[in-house]
Amino acid sequence: MKKILFTLTIMFTLQNICFASIPVDFIYINGSNNNNEKMHQWFLNGIKKFHPVLKTQIEQNEYTYKHMLNNGEYEIEPEPSNYFWGYKSQTDLMFMREKANLLRSISPWVAFFVRNTIADIMHDAIWVQKTHNMIPILQELDAQIKADLKQGKKVVLLGYSAGTFITMEYIYSKAPYINISNWFENKNIDADLKKFMKENPKKNTCLMAFIGSNITTADPLGHIKINNNKTEFINAYKEMDDFTDKYCVPENSVIGIINYASPIPLFYSDMADKNLDTAQFYRLMYKYLIEHDFFILTANYADDPLGFPNGANRTNDDVKSFANLEFDSEEGFIYDYSKKTSGRTFARAHTSYWNTKKRFAKAIVKGYTEGHKYQYDPDTVTKRYKKLQKLQSKNNKNK
């Protein structure tokens, strides 16, 4: 009898081990105008009410359970995490308000009100974009994420409003999408340096490590400068793996980004500027995301005046064609779902996401499902191509 009980205990223990889920931490990042305790609490209370609803919607939806949660391999943490950067801009905001108030006695009331409102809305979004403000934020967020990883967790980042700048800068700066030897293949450096790198390969690195390692630097015009001192170059190259461990996030640790109330196209239009050297890193980042089962979902309310869609959704085949990219594998996707309205007045739409928690949670689930199917569901792909062929045929007839 004791042997039977012992055997059952072992089997039960092994079963629990086999079916143990990997926890996924949802880290919410605040937006603009969260510079005081009242707004800090507004942010914390909002995500605390919203997160359980989103968790339930994702878990109960067959498609997101299968693909986002990998058939139960991943389990969303019951409590939301947050990264709050609102207080960091407080000093600069007070300085700006002090200057704006100098016109209070002579400026027409309407002009004064509009000026101050625009300034309050735009200040933090402009402030957080500045490199000397953004880098410390990215480093703090990175430390928080790596603390999660040490506990065996995965991470999804959720950026609200100007917080979307942080999610995108984080993955752009921290994801290890740069193969160092490959990057230098068509660059004007000595052949012996290229040979040295081929014979001494390093693991893929991220942009922050790459331009901070003394191999290269980035100038204010967005051009990458190669260190022409061969001794310094070789010494820096030898230390690249240490730089990568310090400044980059490991592969497959952050599994997705959900951006909402996002004004990214308004502030990051230079992403499309092919004249900048940094534009090639966006291409490499895109390739990395698709090959590593990473998703970026933008879910704005259609009536949010500060929520900008990222443009027309594109298939991986489209991207291969116009960006001259090839994917070793195709698993991830980037998708914009800015179709749902808030059900509030347009003036309140930007701040209504957590207040309309069920509506917004369903929009995220719908957006994820549409985005994944848009790339990988056979029926959806077939319908899309038939629709495209029909449109092309109609256009040809009209010529």
Protein backbone atom coordinates (compact mmCIF):
# COMPACT_ATOMS: atom_id res chain seq x y z
CA MET A 1 0.00 0.00 0.00
CA LYS A 2 2.83 2.38 0.89
CA LYS A 3 4.49 1.64 -2.46
CA ILE A 4 1.26 2.47 -4.29
CA LEU A 5 0.84 5.75 -2.40
CA PHE A 6 4.49 6.63 -3.02
CA THR A 7 4.09 5.90 -6.75
CA LEU A 8 0.93 8.01 -6.99
CA THR A 9 2.63 10.88 -5.17
CA ILE A 10 5.55 10.80 -7.60
CA MET A 11 3.20 10.69 -10.59
CA PHE A 12 1.16 13.61 -9.26
CA THR A 13 4.32 15.64 -8.65
CA LEU A 14 5.67 14.93 -12.13
CA GLN A 15 2.31 15.85 -13.65
CA ASN A 16 2.37 19.23 -11.89
CA ILE A 17 5.89 19.82 -13.12
CA CYS A 18 4.99 18.88 -16.69
CA PHE A 19 1.94 21.15 -16.75
CA ALA A 20 3.49 24.12 -14.91
CA SER A 21 2.80 27.27 -16.89
CA ILE A 22 5.30 30.04 -17.54
CA PRO A 23 4.11 33.26 -15.89
CA VAL A 24 3.76 36.30 -18.14
CA ASP A 25 4.07 39.73 -16.54
CA PHE A 26 2.01 42.48 -18.17
CA ILE A 27 3.92 45.73 -17.56
CA TYR A 28 1.79 48.85 -18.08
CA ILE A 29 3.61 52.10 -18.93
CA ASN A 30 1.97 55.46 -18.33
CA GLY A 31 1.58 58.32 -20.78
CA SER A 32 1.73 62.12 -20.62
CA ASN A 33 0.34 64.35 -17.88
CA ASN A 34 0.85 61.82 -15.09
CA ASN A 35 3.12 64.17 -13.20
CA ASN A 36 1.47 64.32 -9.78
CA GLU A 37 0.11 61.93 -7.17
CA LYS A 38 -3.48 62.35 -8.30
CA MET A 39 -2.65 61.31 -11.88
CA HIS A 40 -0.33 58.60 -10.63
CA GLN A 41 -3.24 57.06 -8.70
CA TRP A 42 -5.52 57.51 -11.72
CA PHE A 43 -3.07 55.42 -13.74
CA LEU A 44 -2.64 52.74 -11.05
CA ASN A 45 -6.38 52.47 -10.35
CA GLY A 46 -7.13 52.27 -14.06
CA ILE A 47 -4.79 49.38 -14.82
CA LYS A 48 -5.79 47.58 -11.61
CA LYS A 49 -9.43 47.54 -12.75
CA PHE A 50 -8.62 46.81 -16.38
CA HIS A 51 -6.02 44.05 -16.07
CA PRO A 52 -8.26 41.27 -14.68
CA VAL A 53 -10.76 41.93 -17.47
CA LEU A 54 -8.07 41.72 -20.15
CA LYS A 55 -6.65 38.57 -18.58
CA THR A 56 -10.06 36.90 -18.61
CA GLN A 57 -10.82 37.92 -22.19
CA ILE A 58 -7.49 36.57 -23.47
CA GLU A 59 -7.80 33.30 -21.54
CA GLN A 60 -11.40 32.66 -22.52
CA ASN A 61 -10.92 33.39 -26.21
CA GLU A 62 -10.00 30.20 -28.06
CA TYR A 63 -7.71 31.92 -30.55
CA THR A 64 -5.69 34.07 -28.15
CA TYR A 65 -5.45 31.17 -25.71
CA LYS A 66 -3.98 29.02 -28.47
CA HIS A 67 -1.62 31.56 -30.03
CA MET A 68 -0.82 34.29 -27.50
CA LEU A 69 -0.74 31.92 -24.52
CA ASN A 70 0.59 28.99 -26.52
CA ASN A 71 -2.20 26.61 -25.51
CA GLY A 72 -1.73 27.33 -21.82
CA GLU A 73 2.07 27.21 -21.79
CA TYR A 74 1.91 30.87 -20.73
CA GLU A 75 -0.23 32.16 -17.87
CA ILE A 76 -0.86 35.87 -17.36
CA GLU A 77 0.01 37.08 -13.87
CA PRO A 78 -3.14 37.96 -11.89
CA GLU A 79 -1.83 41.39 -10.86
CA PRO A 80 -0.63 44.07 -13.28
CA SER A 81 2.90 45.43 -13.06
CA ASN A 82 3.72 48.97 -14.03
CA TYR A 83 6.61 51.19 -14.95
CA PHE A 84 5.83 54.77 -13.99
CA TRP A 85 7.98 57.61 -15.32
CA GLY A 86 5.59 60.54 -14.74
CA TYR A 87 7.51 62.27 -11.96
CA LYS A 88 10.71 62.45 -14.01
CA SER A 89 9.41 65.28 -16.20
CA GLN A 90 7.88 67.26 -13.32
CA THR A 91 10.69 69.83 -12.94
CA ASP A 92 10.76 70.67 -16.64
CA LEU A 93 6.96 70.85 -16.77
CA MET A 94 6.85 73.35 -13.90
CA PHE A 95 9.47 75.47 -15.67
CA MET A 96 7.37 75.46 -18.85
CA ARG A 97 4.19 76.40 -16.97
CA GLU A 98 5.97 79.24 -15.21
CA LYS A 99 7.00 80.74 -18.55
CA ALA A 100 3.53 80.23 -20.05
CA ASN A 101 1.93 82.02 -17.10
CA LEU A 102 3.90 85.20 -17.82
CA LEU A 103 1.31 86.03 -20.49
CA ARG A 104 -1.69 85.45 -18.25
CA SER A 105 -2.43 89.10 -17.60
CA ILE A 106 -2.19 90.25 -21.24
CA SER A 107 -3.20 87.22 -23.31
CA PRO A 108 -6.86 86.71 -24.24
CA TRP A 109 -8.39 84.02 -22.02
CA VAL A 110 -9.13 81.63 -24.88
CA ALA A 111 -5.60 81.94 -26.28
CA PHE A 112 -4.12 81.42 -22.81
CA PHE A 113 -6.28 78.35 -22.18
CA VAL A 114 -5.52 76.77 -25.57
CA ARG A 115 -1.79 77.49 -25.23
CA ASN A 116 -1.59 75.92 -21.77
CA THR A 117 -3.69 72.91 -22.79
CA ILE A 118 -1.53 72.18 -25.82
CA ALA A 119 1.61 72.67 -23.76
CA ASP A 120 0.41 70.27 -21.05
CA ILE A 121 -0.55 67.64 -23.61
CA MET A 122 2.61 67.88 -25.69
CA HIS A 123 5.26 68.54 -23.06
CA ASP A 124 5.84 65.02 -21.76
CA ALA A 125 5.63 63.48 -25.22
CA ILE A 126 8.42 65.79 -26.40
CA TRP A 127 10.37 65.46 -23.13
CA VAL A 128 10.51 61.68 -23.15
CA GLN A 129 11.79 61.56 -26.74
CA LYS A 130 14.99 63.40 -25.88
CA THR A 131 17.86 60.95 -25.69
CA HIS A 132 19.18 62.11 -22.32
CA ASN A 133 15.70 61.53 -20.84
CA MET A 134 14.87 58.31 -22.70
CA ILE A 135 18.03 56.31 -21.99
CA PRO A 136 17.72 56.34 -18.17
CA ILE A 137 14.07 55.30 -18.55
CA LEU A 138 15.03 52.41 -20.82
CA GLN A 139 17.70 51.30 -18.36
CA GLU A 140 15.26 51.33 -15.45
CA LEU A 141 12.66 49.42 -17.45
CA ASP A 142 15.34 46.96 -18.53
CA ALA A 143 16.30 46.29 -14.91
CA GLN A 144 12.64 45.62 -14.07
CA ILE A 145 12.26 43.24 -17.00
CA LYS A 146 15.45 41.37 -16.20
CA ALA A 147 14.28 40.94 -12.60
CA ASP A 148 11.19 39.24 -14.06
CA LEU A 149 13.35 37.01 -16.23
CA LYS A 150 15.35 35.84 -13.22
CA GLN A 151 12.05 34.61 -11.78
CA GLY A 152 11.34 32.61 -14.94
CA LYS A 153 8.75 35.01 -16.32
CA LYS A 154 8.04 36.30 -19.82
CA VAL A 155 6.96 39.91 -20.40
CA VAL A 156 4.37 41.81 -22.44
CA LEU A 157 4.71 45.62 -22.53
CA LEU A 158 1.59 47.80 -22.67
CA GLY A 159 2.24 51.42 -23.61
CA TYR A 160 -0.37 54.13 -23.14
CA SER A 161 -0.14 57.39 -25.11
CA ALA A 162 3.45 58.71 -24.82
CA GLY A 163 4.28 55.44 -23.06
CA THR A 164 4.16 53.88 -26.52
CA PHE A 165 7.40 55.74 -27.30
CA ILE A 166 9.05 53.80 -24.49
CA THR A 167 7.80 50.40 -25.64
CA MET A 168 9.05 51.02 -29.17
CA GLU A 169 12.36 52.56 -28.11
CA TYR A 170 12.89 49.64 -25.76
CA ILE A 171 12.54 46.93 -28.38
CA TYR A 172 14.44 49.05 -30.94
CA SER A 173 17.34 49.63 -28.54
CA LYS A 174 17.36 46.38 -26.57
CA ALA A 175 16.34 43.50 -28.87
CA PRO A 176 19.35 41.46 -30.10
CA TYR A 177 18.73 41.73 -33.84
CA ILE A 178 22.22 42.74 -35.02
CA ASN A 179 24.59 40.12 -36.38
CA ILE A 180 27.82 42.07 -36.00
CA SER A 181 29.88 40.28 -38.65
CA ASN A 182 27.06 40.46 -41.19
CA TRP A 183 26.55 44.17 -40.55
CA PHE A 184 30.17 44.95 -41.45
CA GLU A 185 30.21 42.79 -44.61
CA ASN A 186 29.48 45.66 -47.00
CA LYS A 187 31.20 48.36 -44.94
CA ASN A 188 34.46 50.01 -45.87
CA ILE A 189 36.77 48.41 -43.31
CA ASP A 190 39.98 46.40 -43.67
CA ALA A 191 39.60 42.84 -44.88
CA ASP A 192 41.64 41.53 -41.95
CA LEU A 193 39.06 42.97 -39.53
CA LYS A 194 36.25 41.22 -41.39
CA LYS A 195 38.24 38.00 -41.30
CA PHE A 196 38.90 38.42 -37.58
CA MET A 197 35.17 38.79 -36.89
CA LYS A 198 34.30 35.76 -39.02
CA GLU A 199 36.85 33.65 -37.13
CA ASN A 200 35.72 35.00 -33.74
CA PRO A 201 31.91 35.16 -33.94
CA LYS A 202 29.90 36.90 -31.25
CA LYS A 203 26.27 36.44 -30.37
CA ASN A 204 23.73 38.81 -31.85
CA THR A 205 23.63 42.15 -30.10
CA CYS A 206 21.29 45.13 -29.71
CA LEU A 207 21.61 48.71 -30.90
CA MET A 208 22.40 50.13 -27.46
CA ALA A 209 25.35 47.77 -27.03
CA PHE A 210 26.44 48.15 -30.65
CA ILE A 211 26.79 51.94 -30.60
CA GLY A 212 28.03 52.10 -27.02
CA SER A 213 30.81 49.53 -27.37
CA ASN A 214 33.50 51.66 -29.05
CA ILE A 215 33.08 49.67 -32.27
CA THR A 216 30.68 52.28 -33.58
CA THR A 217 28.97 55.46 -32.48
CA ALA A 218 25.87 57.28 -33.71
CA ASP A 219 26.04 60.97 -34.53
CA PRO A 220 23.17 63.44 -34.03
CA LEU A 221 22.27 63.21 -37.74
CA GLY A 222 21.47 59.51 -37.48
CA HIS A 223 24.66 58.28 -39.14
CA ILE A 224 26.72 55.37 -37.79
CA LYS A 225 30.44 56.06 -37.44
CA ILE A 226 32.88 53.13 -37.38
CA ASN A 227 35.89 53.34 -35.06
CA ASN A 228 38.88 53.61 -37.40
CA ASN A 229 41.40 52.77 -34.70
CA LYS A 230 41.99 49.06 -35.34
CA THR A 231 43.36 48.32 -31.89
CA GLU A 232 40.40 49.96 -30.16
CA PHE A 233 38.02 48.24 -32.59
CA ILE A 234 39.44 44.76 -31.89
CA ASN A 235 39.52 45.30 -28.13
CA ALA A 236 35.91 46.50 -28.17
CA TYR A 237 34.86 43.59 -30.35
CA LYS A 238 36.38 41.09 -27.92
CA GLU A 239 34.14 42.51 -25.18
CA MET A 240 30.94 42.55 -27.24
CA ASP A 241 29.32 39.57 -25.53
CA ASP A 242 29.73 41.31 -22.17
CA PHE A 243 28.16 44.46 -23.60
CA THR A 244 25.32 42.39 -25.03
CA ASP A 245 24.62 40.72 -21.67
CA LYS A 246 24.66 44.11 -19.95
CA TYR A 247 22.60 46.22 -22.34
CA CYS A 248 20.38 43.82 -24.33
CA VAL A 249 17.32 41.81 -23.42
CA PRO A 250 17.60 38.05 -24.10
CA GLU A 251 15.81 36.54 -27.09
CA ASN A 252 12.21 35.41 -26.59
CA SER A 253 11.89 37.05 -23.17
CA VAL A 254 9.67 39.98 -24.13
CA ILE A 255 7.02 38.29 -26.28
CA GLY A 256 4.84 41.21 -27.33
CA ILE A 257 3.81 44.85 -27.17
CA ILE A 258 0.31 46.31 -26.93
CA ASN A 259 0.21 50.03 -27.70
CA TYR A 260 -2.93 52.11 -27.27
CA ALA A 261 -3.86 55.79 -27.53
CA SER A 262 -0.68 55.86 -29.59
CA PRO A 263 0.65 59.01 -31.31
CA ILE A 264 3.76 57.22 -32.62
CA PRO A 265 3.32 58.16 -36.33
CA LEU A 266 3.12 61.83 -35.34
CA PHE A 267 6.45 61.78 -33.49
CA TYR A 268 8.36 58.99 -35.26
CA SER A 269 7.76 59.74 -38.91
CA ASP A 270 11.55 59.63 -39.46
CA MET A 271 11.36 55.83 -39.15
CA ALA A 272 10.53 55.87 -42.86
CA ASP A 273 13.50 58.10 -43.80
CA LYS A 274 15.80 55.89 -45.88
CA ASN A 275 18.50 58.57 -45.83
CA LEU A 276 19.26 57.81 -42.18
CA ASP A 277 21.67 54.99 -41.34
CA THR A 278 19.46 54.14 -38.39
CA ALA A 279 16.64 53.21 -40.79
CA GLN A 280 18.42 49.97 -41.61
CA PHE A 281 18.15 48.96 -37.97
CA TYR A 282 14.37 49.24 -38.19
CA ARG A 283 14.53 46.71 -41.03
CA LEU A 284 16.66 44.36 -38.94
CA MET A 285 14.32 44.82 -35.98
CA TYR A 286 11.29 43.99 -38.12
CA LYS A 287 13.00 40.82 -39.37
CA TYR A 288 13.82 39.81 -35.79
CA LEU A 289 10.25 40.33 -34.58
CA ILE A 290 8.72 38.26 -37.37
CA GLU A 291 11.23 35.43 -36.90
CA HIS A 292 10.83 35.28 -33.10
CA ASP A 293 7.05 34.97 -32.70
CA PHE A 294 6.80 38.55 -31.43
CA PHE A 295 3.65 40.62 -31.80
CA ILE A 296 3.14 44.37 -31.84
CA LEU A 297 -0.51 45.34 -31.67
CA THR A 298 -1.72 48.93 -31.86
CA ALA A 299 -5.27 49.23 -30.51
CA ASN A 300 -6.47 52.83 -30.63
CA TYR A 301 -10.04 53.94 -30.32
CA ALA A 302 -11.13 55.34 -33.66
CA ASP A 303 -12.55 58.46 -31.98
CA ASP A 304 -9.39 59.15 -29.94
CA PRO A 305 -8.02 62.41 -31.42
CA LEU A 306 -4.51 61.57 -30.18
CA GLY A 307 -4.54 57.94 -31.32
CA PHE A 308 -2.83 57.70 -34.70
CA PRO A 309 -3.11 54.50 -36.78
CA ASN A 310 0.16 53.07 -38.04
CA GLY A 311 -1.10 53.00 -41.61
CA ALA A 312 -2.32 50.17 -43.78
CA ASN A 313 -1.58 46.69 -42.45
CA ARG A 314 0.89 44.79 -44.59
CA THR A 315 1.52 41.11 -45.08
CA ASN A 316 4.98 39.64 -44.68
CA ASP A 317 5.03 39.17 -48.46
CA ASP A 318 4.40 42.90 -48.89
CA VAL A 319 7.28 43.71 -46.55
CA LYS A 320 9.60 41.30 -48.34
CA SER A 321 8.86 43.11 -51.58
CA PHE A 322 9.10 46.79 -50.67
CA ALA A 323 11.76 46.49 -47.93
CA ASN A 324 13.87 43.86 -49.69
CA LEU A 325 13.72 41.56 -46.65
CA GLU A 326 13.87 37.80 -46.34
CA PHE A 327 12.62 35.93 -43.27
CA ASP A 328 14.25 32.69 -42.09
CA SER A 329 10.96 31.83 -40.41
CA GLU A 330 7.60 33.59 -40.04
CA GLU A 331 5.86 33.54 -36.68
CA GLY A 332 5.35 37.10 -35.42
CA PHE A 333 3.20 39.95 -36.69
CA ILE A 334 2.66 43.70 -36.48
CA TYR A 335 -0.92 44.92 -36.78
CA ASP A 336 -3.00 48.04 -36.32
CA TYR A 337 -6.54 47.67 -35.00
CA SER A 338 -7.93 51.19 -34.69
CA LYS A 339 -11.53 50.37 -35.62
CA LYS A 340 -13.39 50.30 -32.32
CA THR A 341 -14.93 53.49 -30.92
CA SER A 342 -14.91 54.34 -27.23
CA GLY A 343 -18.62 55.08 -26.85
CA ARG A 344 -17.64 58.35 -25.16
CA THR A 345 -17.34 61.89 -26.48
CA PHE A 346 -14.23 62.42 -28.60
CA ALA A 347 -12.85 64.77 -25.92
CA ARG A 348 -12.93 61.89 -23.40
CA ALA A 349 -11.91 59.09 -25.76
CA HIS A 350 -8.17 59.42 -25.07
CA THR A 351 -8.63 58.82 -21.35
CA SER A 352 -11.43 56.26 -21.60
CA TYR A 353 -9.50 53.03 -22.29
CA TRP A 354 -9.52 51.69 -18.72
CA ASN A 355 -12.98 53.10 -17.94
CA THR A 356 -14.39 51.11 -20.87
CA LYS A 357 -12.45 48.07 -19.74
CA LYS A 358 -14.57 45.30 -21.26
CA ARG A 359 -14.95 47.08 -24.60
CA PHE A 360 -11.22 47.78 -24.76
CA ALA A 361 -10.21 44.27 -23.65
CA LYS A 362 -12.41 42.81 -26.39
CA ALA A 363 -10.78 45.20 -28.89
CA ILE A 364 -7.34 43.90 -27.94
CA VAL A 365 -8.45 40.28 -28.32
CA LYS A 366 -10.12 41.11 -31.65
CA GLY A 367 -7.06 43.01 -32.85
CA TYR A 368 -4.67 40.20 -31.92
CA THR A 369 -6.90 37.60 -33.59
CA GLU A 370 -7.27 39.65 -36.77
CA GLY A 371 -3.55 40.43 -36.88
CA HIS A 372 -2.45 36.84 -36.46
CA LYS A 373 -5.01 35.51 -38.92
CA TYR A 374 -4.07 38.22 -41.41
CA GLN A 375 -0.65 36.60 -41.70
CA TYR A 376 -1.11 32.95 -40.87
CA ASP A 377 -4.72 31.72 -41.08
CA PRO A 378 -5.13 29.88 -44.42
CA ASP A 379 -8.77 30.85 -44.92
CA THR A 380 -8.11 34.51 -44.15
CA VAL A 381 -5.06 34.57 -46.44
CA THR A 382 -7.06 32.98 -49.28
CA LYS A 383 -9.92 35.48 -48.91
CA ARG A 384 -7.45 38.38 -48.85
CA TYR A 385 -5.75 37.26 -52.06
CA LYS A 386 -9.11 36.71 -53.82
CA LYS A 387 -10.19 40.20 -52.79
CA LEU A 388 -6.89 41.61 -54.07
CA GLN A 389 -7.22 39.78 -57.39
CA LYS A 390 -10.77 41.05 -57.80
CA LEU A 391 -9.64 44.62 -57.11
CA GLN A 392 -6.74 44.32 -59.57
CA SER A 393 -9.06 42.92 -62.21
CA LYS A 394 -11.47 45.81 -61.72
CA ASN A 395 -8.65 48.34 -61.95
CA ASN A 396 -7.39 46.74 -65.19
CA LYS A 397 -10.87 47.00 -66.74
CA ASN A 398 -11.06 50.70 -65.85
CA LYS A 399 -7.79 51.49 -67.58
